[in-house]
Amino acid sequence: MKIELLAPAGNLEKLKTAIIYGADAVYIGGEAYSLRAMADNFDTETMKEALKFAHDRGVKVYVTVNIFPHNDDLKGLPEYIKTLDEIGVDAIIVSDLGVFSIVKDVAPNLEVHISTQANNTNYKTCEFWHNLGAKRVVLARELSLKEIKEIREKAPKDLEIEAFVHGAMCMAYSGRCLLSNYMTHRDANRGACAHPCRYKYYLVEEKRPGEYYQVFEDERGTYIMNSNDLCMIEYIPELVESGITSFKIEGRMKSSYYVATVVKAYRQAIDSYLKDKEDYKFNPKWLEELSKASHREFSTGFYFGKPKKQVYESSSYIRTHDIVGLVLDYDEENKIATIEQRNKVFKGDTVEVLTPKDDNYNIVLDEMWNLDGDAIESTPHPQMIYKLKTDAKLKPYDMLVKEKGDSDE
């Protein structure tokens, strides 16, 4: 069975990173009609460049058009969908029946996937969307593996099933949160979520108005509605055997380092299982690598039944490593790499090289120069381009990663 690894891409760099590190497909947002309006997103020309890069490498691109639109939001939507069809996107992801109907009117041959926002929790819903012409349904995150198996057994056989396997979980049911609209007049269901679940809150007792009681956690505040992050890297066999055909990673707002790390780990785990199901063993290094990128405490969400609790104890993100450089080029003859700075490093630092397919390894930054050829002791300027002498045969899109705290000033 072909399993698709589907990665987020908030901008062109992240899209290229996802593809190079092993994604079979990526999902992106345009400048409008997406539930991640605060992501960089793609204009039409950038989308064309993204499509060429992806299609040249046999990777599919899906575009989110998954807002729940009000009347004003429908203006220009038919033209936008026509444009997506004309430039060759592989599918669009929708939540709303009205948007679905527009797609069928103006681009009847364009593949449609039904977003998790549509609250797809049973096989009859899947059958309904399939009968309307949907190619794929993205299941709600509140489903167990047992429920997913039944959906796969009873839904139409040619309907593809997609499910989230990694990333942030929303505290609201199927992501349908009203807090943002209520508190900030920014509609989460139209792409403008202000993330009020992450604000600091106090408790007020009904009969003691004006008396505010803080719920203490740590020095950074208290987040009483934030969910754990989903992580199913240890349960690839269970996911595959449940009938899910597309494993979706959350995170269009996350960094390129996050995308590279997560995609690589799931790519290795999926390939390892499909290559030899009988002798497959989970490799702890996959989880170790995942844990280096910024995340909250991991959980298995609803996959093994309703969680006893969904809110974690600490308000802090866990982030043990930072990307410090992106490899642009490597001159094998002179053994000199060209690096784009992402965080400051110092001469003598030991950094880890994150590479798409091979195991990670360490190098020491013994010699560095700026573009004028002057030797430098550090890389203080954001996104500065510098040269690095190393015997390691670095490749474009390799990432230099440093454990937080190492030689930091």
Foldseek 3Di string as FASTA:
>chain_A
DAFFEEEEALALLLLLLLVQLPGQEYEFEDCFQALANVGPTDHLVRVLVSCVSQVVSNHAYEYENAFPDDPVSCVCLLVVLLSCVVSPHQAYEYQDPVSVVSCCVRPVPHAYEYALLNAAQALVVLQVVVVVPHQEYEHHLQDALVRLLVSCVRHDVRYAYEYEAWFFDALDGSQCDCVQCVPPVQHSRRNGRPPPLLDAAWDDDPVHPPDTHGDDQDPVHDRFRGFFIEHCLQPLVSVVVSRHRYHYYDDSPFDSLLSSLLSNLSSVSNVQCVVPVVPDDRDVVSVVSNQQAWGGHYDNDQHHHHDPDGDDRDSDIRHFKDFAWFWADADQVQQKTKIFGAHKDFQQDKWWKARSHDDIDIDGQHWKAAPVRHTDGMDHDHRGIIMGHDNDGDDGGTTTMDTPPGPDD
